Amino acid sequence: MDQLQALLNDGLIRTQHVENAAIIDIKERKVCASTFGFNMPPEDALNLIYAFYKNLLQVRRGGLDFKEKHYKCVRADEHSIYLHNPDGGLIVVKTKTSILVATYGVGMYPSVCVEAVEKLGKGN
């Protein structure tokens, strides 16, 4: 847990290219680490898991609701989903065992999530 928290804080938040981030354990179907103040309801975590396994085509077409906001899909494949709305964006990236989700604002560069997911993947 401490390693995951450090990954979120050092690998993502410190870069100032994402606002908030969390890691969801796919098997446990729950958030196992998140940045300070980023509370994710269990139903949002489940929606992100199901987005990859059951609803990817639907997400591509209709977007995704997350934390009471609607996001339009920019790009989606079996490993990542990029979404945005007028306030910013959402990036969701899947490894074999985890899902990393991060929010970002206009002018931020969420590509730092790629490096974080590579580090996360090495631990899985």
C-alpha atoms as a PDB file:
ATOM      1  CA  MET A   1       0.000   0.000   0.000  1.00  0.00           C
ATOM      2  CA  ASP A   2       2.793   2.451   0.863  1.00  0.00           C
ATOM      3  CA  GLN A   3       4.526   1.727  -2.468  1.00  0.00           C
ATOM      4  CA  LEU A   4       1.311   2.425  -4.354  1.00  0.00           C
ATOM      5  CA  GLN A   5       0.781   5.645  -2.427  1.00  0.00           C
ATOM      6  CA  ALA A   6       4.349   6.715  -3.205  1.00  0.00           C
ATOM      7  CA  LEU A   7       3.827   5.906  -6.882  1.00  0.00           C
ATOM      8  CA  LEU A   8       0.746   8.114  -7.004  1.00  0.00           C
ATOM      9  CA  ASN A   9       2.363  10.988  -5.146  1.00  0.00           C
ATOM     10  CA  ASP A  10       5.859  10.866  -6.657  1.00  0.00           C
ATOM     11  CA  GLY A  11       5.126   9.494 -10.115  1.00  0.00           C
ATOM     12  CA  LEU A  12       1.979  11.486 -10.819  1.00  0.00           C
ATOM     13  CA  ILE A  13       0.961  14.293  -8.490  1.00  0.00           C
ATOM     14  CA  ARG A  14       4.420  15.814  -8.128  1.00  0.00           C
ATOM     15  CA  THR A  15       4.655  16.224 -11.890  1.00  0.00           C
ATOM     16  CA  GLN A  16       1.658  18.583 -11.714  1.00  0.00           C
ATOM     17  CA  HIS A  17       0.265  16.955 -14.879  1.00  0.00           C
ATOM     18  CA  VAL A  18      -2.604  15.225 -13.124  1.00  0.00           C
ATOM     19  CA  GLU A  19      -4.890  16.553 -10.407  1.00  0.00           C
ATOM     20  CA  ASN A  20      -5.898  13.341  -8.627  1.00  0.00           C
ATOM     21  CA  ALA A  21      -5.248   9.650  -9.054  1.00  0.00           C
ATOM     22  CA  ALA A  22      -6.239   6.261  -7.677  1.00  0.00           C
ATOM     23  CA  ILE A  23      -5.361   2.621  -8.172  1.00  0.00           C
ATOM     24  CA  ILE A  24      -8.123   0.027  -8.270  1.00  0.00           C
ATOM     25  CA  ASP A  25      -7.409  -3.635  -7.532  1.00  0.00           C
ATOM     26  CA  ILE A  26      -9.344  -5.515 -10.236  1.00  0.00           C
ATOM     27  CA  LYS A  27      -9.668  -8.787  -8.322  1.00  0.00           C
ATOM     28  CA  GLU A  28     -10.755  -7.110  -5.082  1.00  0.00           C
ATOM     29  CA  ARG A  29     -12.926  -4.612  -7.013  1.00  0.00           C
ATOM     30  CA  LYS A  30     -11.953  -1.730  -4.789  1.00  0.00           C
ATOM     31  CA  VAL A  31      -9.645   1.263  -4.547  1.00  0.00           C
ATOM     32  CA  CYS A  32      -6.384   0.237  -2.899  1.00  0.00           C
ATOM     33  CA  ALA A  33      -4.628   3.629  -3.007  1.00  0.00           C
ATOM     34  CA  SER A  34      -5.568   7.196  -3.869  1.00  0.00           C
ATOM     35  CA  THR A  35      -4.176  10.684  -3.631  1.00  0.00           C
ATOM     36  CA  PHE A  36      -5.146  12.865  -0.693  1.00  0.00           C
ATOM     37  CA  GLY A  37      -8.805  13.887  -0.808  1.00  0.00           C
ATOM     38  CA  PHE A  38      -9.649  11.819  -3.902  1.00  0.00           C
ATOM     39  CA  ASN A  39     -12.496   9.685  -2.652  1.00  0.00           C
ATOM     40  CA  MET A  40     -13.952   7.308  -5.183  1.00  0.00           C
ATOM     41  CA  PRO A  41     -17.305   5.656  -4.469  1.00  0.00           C
ATOM     42  CA  PRO A  42     -17.283   1.869  -4.947  1.00  0.00           C
ATOM     43  CA  GLU A  43     -19.747   2.161  -7.851  1.00  0.00           C
ATOM     44  CA  ASP A  44     -17.312   4.407  -9.772  1.00  0.00           C
ATOM     45  CA  ALA A  45     -14.528   1.854  -9.276  1.00  0.00           C
ATOM     46  CA  LEU A  46     -16.816  -0.919 -10.551  1.00  0.00           C
ATOM     47  CA  ASN A  47     -17.870   1.200 -13.547  1.00  0.00           C
ATOM     48  CA  LEU A  48     -14.226   1.628 -14.553  1.00  0.00           C
ATOM     49  CA  ILE A  49     -13.566  -2.110 -14.269  1.00  0.00           C
ATOM     50  CA  TYR A  50     -16.680  -2.927 -16.311  1.00  0.00           C
ATOM     51  CA  ALA A  51     -15.758  -0.285 -18.885  1.00  0.00           C
ATOM     52  CA  PHE A  52     -12.826  -2.489 -19.928  1.00  0.00           C
ATOM     53  CA  TYR A  53     -14.447  -5.892 -19.626  1.00  0.00           C
ATOM     54  CA  LYS A  54     -18.022  -5.350 -20.748  1.00  0.00           C
ATOM     55  CA  ASN A  55     -18.687  -1.855 -22.040  1.00  0.00           C
ATOM     56  CA  LEU A  56     -15.666  -0.666 -24.057  1.00  0.00           C
ATOM     57  CA  LEU A  57     -17.673  -0.211 -27.265  1.00  0.00           C
ATOM     58  CA  GLN A  58     -20.384   1.611 -25.342  1.00  0.00           C
ATOM     59  CA  VAL A  59     -17.763   3.880 -23.718  1.00  0.00           C
ATOM     60  CA  ARG A  60     -16.320   4.684 -27.158  1.00  0.00           C
ATOM     61  CA  ARG A  61     -19.752   5.691 -28.423  1.00  0.00           C
ATOM     62  CA  GLY A  62     -21.398   7.314 -25.418  1.00  0.00           C
ATOM     63  CA  GLY A  63     -18.621   8.283 -23.032  1.00  0.00           C
ATOM     64  CA  LEU A  64     -18.533   7.554 -19.323  1.00  0.00           C
ATOM     65  CA  ASP A  65     -19.983   9.021 -16.134  1.00  0.00           C
ATOM     66  CA  PHE A  66     -17.453   9.409 -13.348  1.00  0.00           C
ATOM     67  CA  LYS A  67     -17.859  11.256 -10.038  1.00  0.00           C
ATOM     68  CA  GLU A  68     -21.102  12.859 -11.201  1.00  0.00           C
ATOM     69  CA  LYS A  69     -19.583  14.254 -14.419  1.00  0.00           C
ATOM     70  CA  HIS A  70     -19.991  13.020 -17.982  1.00  0.00           C
ATOM     71  CA  TYR A  71     -16.834  12.500 -20.048  1.00  0.00           C
ATOM     72  CA  LYS A  72     -16.730  12.063 -23.833  1.00  0.00           C
ATOM     73  CA  CYS A  73     -14.415   9.332 -25.097  1.00  0.00           C
ATOM     74  CA  VAL A  74     -11.442  10.559 -27.119  1.00  0.00           C
ATOM     75  CA  ARG A  75      -9.739   7.174 -27.497  1.00  0.00           C
ATOM     76  CA  ALA A  76     -10.200   3.689 -26.083  1.00  0.00           C
ATOM     77  CA  ASP A  77      -8.509   0.351 -26.499  1.00  0.00           C
ATOM     78  CA  GLU A  78      -8.129  -2.764 -24.378  1.00  0.00           C
ATOM     79  CA  HIS A  79      -5.507  -1.083 -22.151  1.00  0.00           C
ATOM     80  CA  SER A  80      -6.476   2.599 -21.931  1.00  0.00           C
ATOM     81  CA  ILE A  81      -9.371   5.033 -22.133  1.00  0.00           C
ATOM     82  CA  TYR A  82      -8.919   8.778 -22.641  1.00  0.00           C
ATOM     83  CA  LEU A  83     -11.949  10.935 -21.898  1.00  0.00           C
ATOM     84  CA  HIS A  84     -12.635  14.654 -21.559  1.00  0.00           C
ATOM     85  CA  ASN A  85     -15.274  17.220 -20.715  1.00  0.00           C
ATOM     86  CA  PRO A  86     -15.161  21.050 -20.632  1.00  0.00           C
ATOM     87  CA  ASP A  87     -13.504  21.025 -17.182  1.00  0.00           C
ATOM     88  CA  GLY A  88     -10.650  18.648 -18.009  1.00  0.00           C
ATOM     89  CA  GLY A  89     -10.097  15.001 -18.576  1.00  0.00           C
ATOM     90  CA  LEU A  90      -9.908  11.494 -17.251  1.00  0.00           C
ATOM     91  CA  ILE A  91      -7.395   8.815 -18.149  1.00  0.00           C
ATOM     92  CA  VAL A  92      -7.934   5.170 -17.220  1.00  0.00           C
ATOM     93  CA  VAL A  93      -5.173   2.603 -17.809  1.00  0.00           C
ATOM     94  CA  LYS A  94      -5.324  -1.141 -17.090  1.00  0.00           C
ATOM     95  CA  THR A  95      -2.596  -3.617 -16.183  1.00  0.00           C
ATOM     96  CA  LYS A  96      -3.201  -7.318 -15.532  1.00  0.00           C
ATOM     97  CA  THR A  97      -4.180  -6.715 -11.908  1.00  0.00           C
ATOM     98  CA  SER A  98      -4.901  -3.000 -11.506  1.00  0.00           C
ATOM     99  CA  ILE A  99      -6.518   0.041 -13.017  1.00  0.00           C
ATOM    100  CA  LEU A 100      -4.958   3.474 -12.692  1.00  0.00           C
ATOM    101  CA  VAL A 101      -7.363   6.399 -12.995  1.00  0.00           C
ATOM    102  CA  ALA A 102      -6.299  10.049 -13.024  1.00  0.00           C
ATOM    103  CA  THR A 103      -8.069  13.356 -13.526  1.00  0.00           C
ATOM    104  CA  TYR A 104      -6.389  16.281 -15.209  1.00  0.00           C
ATOM    105  CA  GLY A 105      -7.182  19.883 -16.038  1.00  0.00           C
ATOM    106  CA  VAL A 106      -6.832  21.952 -19.167  1.00  0.00           C
ATOM    107  CA  GLY A 107      -3.142  22.468 -19.958  1.00  0.00           C
ATOM    108  CA  MET A 108      -2.000  19.382 -18.055  1.00  0.00           C
ATOM    109  CA  TYR A 109      -0.268  16.422 -19.722  1.00  0.00           C
ATOM    110  CA  PRO A 110      -1.586  13.108 -18.398  1.00  0.00           C
ATOM    111  CA  SER A 111       0.953  11.128 -20.429  1.00  0.00           C
ATOM    112  CA  VAL A 112       2.889  10.811 -17.143  1.00  0.00           C
ATOM    113  CA  CYS A 113       0.401   8.035 -16.390  1.00  0.00           C
ATOM    114  CA  VAL A 114       2.175   5.825 -18.939  1.00  0.00           C
ATOM    115  CA  GLU A 115       5.366   5.814 -16.876  1.00  0.00           C
ATOM    116  CA  ALA A 116       3.420   5.227 -13.678  1.00  0.00           C
ATOM    117  CA  VAL A 117       1.594   2.267 -15.219  1.00  0.00           C
ATOM    118  CA  GLU A 118       4.926   0.808 -16.379  1.00  0.00           C
ATOM    119  CA  LYS A 119       6.141   1.000 -12.767  1.00  0.00           C
ATOM    120  CA  LEU A 120       2.863  -0.453 -11.546  1.00  0.00           C
ATOM    121  CA  GLY A 121       3.113  -3.294 -14.075  1.00  0.00           C
ATOM    122  CA  LYS A 122       6.591  -4.237 -12.833  1.00  0.00           C
ATOM    123  CA  GLY A 123       5.155  -4.803  -9.379  1.00  0.00           C
ATOM    124  CA  ASN A 124       2.400  -7.098 -10.706  1.00  0.00           C
END
